Protein backbone atom coordinates (compact mmCIF):
# COMPACT_ATOMS: atom_id res chain seq x y z
CA MET A 1 2.91 -3.87 -16.84
CA PHE A 2 4.28 -0.79 -18.83
CA LEU A 3 7.05 1.73 -18.37
CA ARG A 4 5.78 5.30 -17.40
CA SER A 5 9.20 6.85 -17.01
CA CYS A 6 12.97 6.04 -16.06
CA HIS A 7 15.88 8.18 -15.16
CA TYR A 8 19.43 7.84 -14.17
CA CYS A 9 20.33 10.94 -11.96
CA THR A 10 23.49 12.46 -10.46
CA VAL A 11 23.32 14.96 -7.60
CA ASN A 12 26.39 16.90 -6.53
CA ASN A 13 24.94 19.62 -4.50
CA PRO A 14 23.19 19.17 -1.19
CA PHE A 15 21.22 22.29 -1.94
CA ASP A 16 19.62 20.85 -4.89
CA GLY A 17 16.85 19.84 -2.47
CA ALA A 18 14.82 16.69 -2.17
CA SER A 19 13.31 14.82 -5.12
CA GLY A 20 10.09 12.91 -5.04
CA GLY A 21 6.28 13.43 -4.49
CA ILE A 22 3.36 11.24 -5.07
CA HIS A 23 1.87 9.62 -8.16
CA PRO A 24 -0.39 6.66 -9.23
CA PHE A 25 2.54 4.56 -10.40
CA ASP A 26 4.54 1.88 -8.68
CA GLU A 27 8.36 2.70 -8.45
CA MET A 28 11.73 1.07 -8.22
CA LEU A 29 14.52 3.22 -6.71
CA TYR A 30 18.14 2.11 -6.73
CA ILE A 31 21.09 3.92 -4.89
CA ARG A 32 24.37 3.29 -6.85
CA GLU A 33 26.64 5.77 -5.14
CA GLY A 34 26.58 8.34 -2.19
CA GLU A 35 24.17 8.43 0.58
CA ALA A 36 20.75 9.86 1.10
CA THR A 37 17.68 9.77 3.29
CA LEU A 38 14.51 8.39 1.84
CA GLU A 39 11.26 9.48 3.45
CA TRP A 40 8.36 7.03 2.34
CA SER A 41 4.94 6.93 3.81
CA GLY A 42 6.03 8.65 7.06
CA GLN A 43 9.09 6.57 7.72
CA GLU A 44 12.74 7.28 7.14
CA TYR A 45 15.24 4.99 5.46
CA ARG A 46 18.96 5.23 5.14
CA ALA A 47 19.66 5.11 1.38
CA GLU A 48 23.11 3.70 1.03
CA PRO A 49 24.90 2.22 -2.05
CA SER A 50 23.24 -1.13 -3.33
CA SER A 51 19.86 -0.08 -1.79
CA LEU A 52 16.93 -1.02 -3.82
CA PHE A 53 13.64 0.42 -2.64
CA LEU A 54 10.16 -0.48 -3.86
CA LEU A 55 7.56 2.18 -3.59
CA ASN A 56 3.99 1.56 -4.10
CA ARG A 57 1.58 3.73 -6.06
CA ASP A 58 0.02 6.62 -4.26
CA THR A 59 2.45 6.72 -1.49
CA PRO A 60 4.53 10.01 -0.82
CA HIS A 61 8.17 9.69 -1.09
CA TRP A 62 11.18 12.07 -1.00
CA LEU A 63 14.97 11.38 -1.47
CA ALA A 64 17.17 13.88 0.29
CA PHE A 65 20.92 14.29 -0.38
CA ARG A 66 23.37 13.38 2.53
CA SER A 67 26.70 12.84 0.78
CA GLY A 68 27.83 12.37 -2.60
CA PRO A 69 28.06 12.65 -5.52
CA LEU A 70 24.76 10.77 -5.18
CA ARG A 71 24.06 8.59 -8.21
CA PHE A 72 20.68 6.81 -8.41
CA TRP A 73 17.99 5.60 -10.83
CA TYR A 74 14.32 5.02 -10.59
CA ILE A 75 11.69 3.38 -12.80
CA GLU A 76 8.07 4.38 -12.69
CA MET A 77 5.59 1.69 -14.00
CA ASP A 78 1.97 0.88 -14.22
CA SER A 79 1.99 -2.65 -12.78
CA GLY A 80 -1.44 -3.55 -13.77
CA ASP A 81 -2.93 -6.16 -11.30
CA GLU A 82 -1.94 -6.65 -7.74
CA ASP A 83 0.51 -9.36 -8.42
CA GLY A 84 2.40 -7.12 -10.88
CA PHE A 85 4.12 -5.36 -8.12
CA VAL A 86 4.91 -6.05 -4.23
CA THR A 87 2.19 -5.38 -1.77
CA GLY A 88 2.48 -2.39 0.62
CA GLU A 89 3.37 -4.84 3.59
CA GLN A 90 5.92 -6.60 1.39
CA ALA A 91 7.35 -3.27 0.33
CA ILE A 92 7.91 -2.24 4.11
CA ARG A 93 9.61 -5.56 4.89
CA TRP A 94 11.84 -5.39 1.78
CA ASN A 95 12.88 -1.68 2.18
CA ARG A 96 13.73 -2.35 5.87
CA SER A 97 16.23 -4.86 4.95
CA GLN A 98 18.34 -2.71 2.58
CA PRO A 99 21.00 -2.46 1.41
CA LEU A 100 21.26 -5.52 -0.80
CA VAL A 101 24.86 -6.30 0.37
CA ARG A 102 23.42 -7.33 3.77
CA LEU A 103 21.50 -10.25 2.06
CA ASP A 104 24.32 -11.54 -0.21
CA SER A 105 24.40 -14.90 1.50
CA ASN A 106 20.88 -15.59 0.00
CA PRO A 107 20.93 -17.10 -3.66
CA ILE A 108 17.72 -15.28 -4.52
CA VAL A 109 19.07 -11.96 -3.46
CA ARG A 110 22.27 -12.63 -5.53
CA GLY A 111 20.09 -13.10 -8.48
CA ILE A 112 18.23 -9.78 -7.72
CA ARG A 113 21.69 -8.04 -7.60
CA GLN A 114 22.62 -9.48 -10.98
CA THR A 115 19.37 -8.26 -12.47
CA VAL A 116 19.71 -4.80 -10.81
CA ASP A 117 23.15 -4.60 -12.32
CA ALA A 118 21.66 -5.12 -15.74
CA LEU A 119 19.17 -2.46 -15.06
CA THR A 120 21.82 -0.05 -13.98
CA GLU A 121 23.90 -0.58 -17.05
CA SER A 122 20.80 -0.21 -19.24
CA LEU A 123 19.80 3.13 -17.64
CA GLU A 124 23.43 4.62 -17.20
CA HIS A 125 23.97 4.11 -20.96
CA GLY A 126 20.57 5.33 -21.97
CA VAL A 127 17.84 2.90 -22.34
CA ARG A 128 15.86 5.20 -24.76
CA SER A 129 18.60 5.22 -27.41
CA LYS A 130 16.79 2.19 -28.80
CA PRO A 131 13.27 2.79 -27.36
CA LEU A 132 11.59 -0.53 -28.44
CA PHE A 133 14.24 -3.00 -27.80
CA GLY A 134 15.90 -1.14 -24.87
CA GLU A 135 12.60 -0.71 -22.86
CA GLU A 136 11.37 -4.19 -23.69
CA VAL A 137 14.43 -5.83 -22.30
CA MET A 138 14.47 -3.36 -19.23
CA MET A 139 10.96 -4.22 -18.36
CA LEU A 140 11.59 -7.92 -18.50
CA ASP A 141 14.52 -7.33 -15.92
CA VAL A 142 11.99 -5.28 -13.86
CA ARG A 143 9.41 -8.08 -13.76
CA LYS A 144 12.29 -10.57 -12.95
CA THR A 145 13.42 -8.40 -10.09
CA ILE A 146 9.86 -8.07 -8.64
CA ARG A 147 9.31 -11.83 -8.96
CA LEU A 148 12.62 -12.64 -7.11
CA VAL A 149 11.69 -10.11 -4.27
CA GLN A 150 8.29 -11.81 -3.86
CA ALA A 151 10.08 -15.24 -3.79
CA HIS A 152 12.63 -13.96 -1.26
CA LEU A 153 9.69 -12.68 0.90
CA GLY A 154 7.89 -16.01 0.69
CA LYS A 155 4.99 -14.78 -1.26
CA ARG A 156 2.30 -17.27 -2.51
CA GLN A 157 0.09 -16.10 -5.30
CA GLY A 158 -3.28 -14.97 -4.01
CA SER A 159 -2.43 -15.35 -0.29
CA PRO A 160 -1.95 -12.51 2.25
CA VAL A 161 1.49 -12.40 3.64
CA ILE A 162 1.11 -12.10 7.49
CA ARG A 163 3.76 -14.37 8.78
CA ASP A 164 5.68 -11.78 10.74
CA GLY A 165 2.54 -10.13 12.20
CA THR A 166 3.19 -6.85 10.39
CA THR A 167 -0.05 -7.01 8.49
CA GLN A 168 -2.05 -8.29 11.36
CA GLU A 169 -0.88 -5.30 13.44
CA LEU A 170 -1.71 -2.97 10.68
CA ILE A 171 -5.22 -4.28 10.33
CA HIS A 172 -5.84 -4.39 14.07
CA SER A 173 -4.68 -0.71 14.25
CA LEU A 174 -7.02 0.28 11.39
CA MET A 175 -9.95 -1.65 13.02
CA ARG A 176 -9.52 0.36 16.09
CA HIS A 177 -9.35 3.66 14.14
CA MET A 178 -12.61 2.54 12.41
CA GLU A 179 -14.25 1.88 15.79
CA SER A 180 -13.73 5.41 16.78
CA THR A 181 -14.51 7.02 13.46
CA TYR A 182 -17.28 4.64 12.04
CA PHE A 183 -19.45 7.63 11.32
CA GLU A 184 -17.08 9.21 8.78
CA ASP A 185 -17.45 8.98 5.01
CA TRP A 186 -15.21 5.81 4.61
CA ASN A 187 -14.84 3.87 1.44
CA LEU A 188 -12.72 0.84 0.54
CA ASP A 189 -10.11 2.89 -1.48
CA THR A 190 -9.51 5.44 1.38
CA LEU A 191 -9.10 2.51 3.93
CA ALA A 192 -6.65 0.75 1.64
CA ARG A 193 -4.62 3.89 1.11
CA MET A 194 -4.38 4.32 5.02
CA ALA A 195 -2.96 0.83 5.10
CA HIS A 196 -0.62 1.37 2.06
CA LEU A 197 -2.08 -1.65 0.43
CA THR A 198 -3.93 -2.18 -2.84
CA PRO A 199 -7.63 -2.49 -2.32
CA SER A 200 -7.91 -6.17 -3.39
CA TYR A 201 -4.93 -7.28 -1.15
CA PHE A 202 -6.29 -5.07 1.69
CA VAL A 203 -9.80 -6.87 1.51
CA ARG A 204 -8.09 -10.31 1.56
CA ALA A 205 -5.77 -9.35 4.36
CA PHE A 206 -8.54 -7.85 6.47
CA LYS A 207 -10.79 -10.87 6.00
CA TRP A 208 -7.89 -13.20 6.90
CA THR A 209 -7.37 -11.10 10.18
CA ALA A 210 -11.00 -10.06 11.13
CA GLY A 211 -13.22 -12.81 9.52
CA VAL A 212 -15.20 -10.25 7.46
CA THR A 213 -14.36 -7.65 4.77
CA PRO A 214 -13.55 -3.99 5.75
CA ILE A 215 -16.98 -2.90 4.65
CA GLN A 216 -18.85 -5.68 6.44
CA TYR A 217 -16.87 -4.66 9.66
CA LEU A 218 -17.74 -1.01 9.11
CA ASN A 219 -21.36 -1.78 8.63
CA LYS A 220 -21.42 -4.02 11.61
CA LEU A 221 -20.05 -1.10 13.75
CA ARG A 222 -22.61 1.41 12.34
CA LEU A 223 -25.49 -0.98 12.87
CA SER A 224 -24.43 -1.54 16.48
CA ALA A 225 -24.36 2.13 16.96
CA ALA A 226 -27.78 2.49 15.27
CA VAL A 227 -29.26 -0.20 17.65
CA SER A 228 -28.01 1.87 20.62
CA PHE A 229 -29.47 5.17 19.32
CA LEU A 230 -32.83 3.40 18.56
CA ALA A 231 -33.02 1.96 22.02
CA ASN A 232 -31.75 4.84 24.09
CA THR A 233 -32.69 8.03 22.24
CA ASP A 234 -35.65 9.70 20.52
CA MET A 235 -33.53 10.40 17.35
CA GLY A 236 -35.56 9.91 14.16
CA VAL A 237 -34.45 7.05 11.66
CA GLN A 238 -33.18 9.58 9.06
CA ARG A 239 -30.98 11.32 11.80
CA ILE A 240 -29.68 7.95 13.05
CA ALA A 241 -28.63 7.02 9.53
CA GLU A 242 -26.65 10.28 9.08
CA ALA A 243 -25.06 10.06 12.59
CA THR A 244 -23.89 6.51 12.03
CA GLY A 245 -22.38 7.27 8.60
CA PHE A 246 -24.70 5.48 6.23
CA GLY A 247 -25.86 8.70 4.53
CA SER A 248 -28.77 7.12 2.64
CA ILE A 249 -31.85 6.14 4.90
CA HIS A 250 -32.86 3.56 2.29
CA TYR A 251 -29.41 1.80 2.42
CA PHE A 252 -29.33 1.89 6.16
CA SER A 253 -32.94 0.45 6.37
CA ARG A 254 -32.08 -2.23 3.99
CA LEU A 255 -29.06 -3.43 5.80
CA PHE A 256 -30.84 -3.12 9.20
CA LYS A 257 -33.74 -5.38 8.04
CA MET A 258 -31.16 -7.86 6.54
CA LYS A 259 -29.46 -8.16 9.92
CA TYR A 260 -32.42 -7.83 12.35
CA GLY A 261 -35.41 -9.09 10.31
CA VAL A 262 -37.48 -5.86 10.83
CA SER A 263 -37.24 -2.22 10.04
CA PRO A 264 -35.57 0.17 12.25
CA GLN A 265 -38.83 1.80 13.44
CA MET A 266 -40.32 -1.69 14.11
CA TRP A 267 -37.32 -2.70 16.04
CA ARG A 268 -37.61 0.40 18.27
CA GLN A 269 -41.30 -0.25 18.90
CA SER A 270 -40.80 -3.80 19.97
CA HIS A 271 -37.67 -3.03 22.15
CA ARG A 272 -38.92 0.06 24.02
CA LEU A 273 -40.12 -0.63 27.51
């Protein structure tokens, strides 16, 4: 994990507009004073004092002034592997529970507040006044905060978190979407972005829910459609490969033979009346 940027901000004028956007870095956003509305991945959150939001990389987010002065800080980081930051599903659960003051009865959350207070002090007084020492200490606090959030959410390393059904519902919804759009040019990264999850976590969560990986499920849908076309139409094999989303006739034929033991053309000949 390494720091990309960090800023302590004060907004006094509601006409200054919203700040945010999208970038390939994970982000930690903390509201110290004032109120705002956070729009993140199509959802709105009330951003009140002591709210700590965790925003996954490549997810759109905007912070709009409501009342002030609005004082907040954010830290953008490259978290490296999937365990370096919370998953998309965990971020949703955590962000919905804000502000931190609601969770003060929990000893883990009290530890999070202490670490966040230390980050606030570092940023407010200018962490870059001593770049090497200041940033190093700050990133230790960032790592500690993330680990404590993961502990609060009940994360076990390497295991999808689906206890509350949120991930299962997300996967089932995406499966239904894949069933109606199987012919489109899908890939793992695109599907993972739709689920707001990292690709590796998405694969594990999908397999946990569906019993197969996303690409295996997609190929299963495409092959089932191909069988229907072979049995009920006069479409050529090349056209069927294109219509079912495979693109390459060679890839289609190879997968088809692996599943059915014969080529698409031979399957059609043996199943035509």
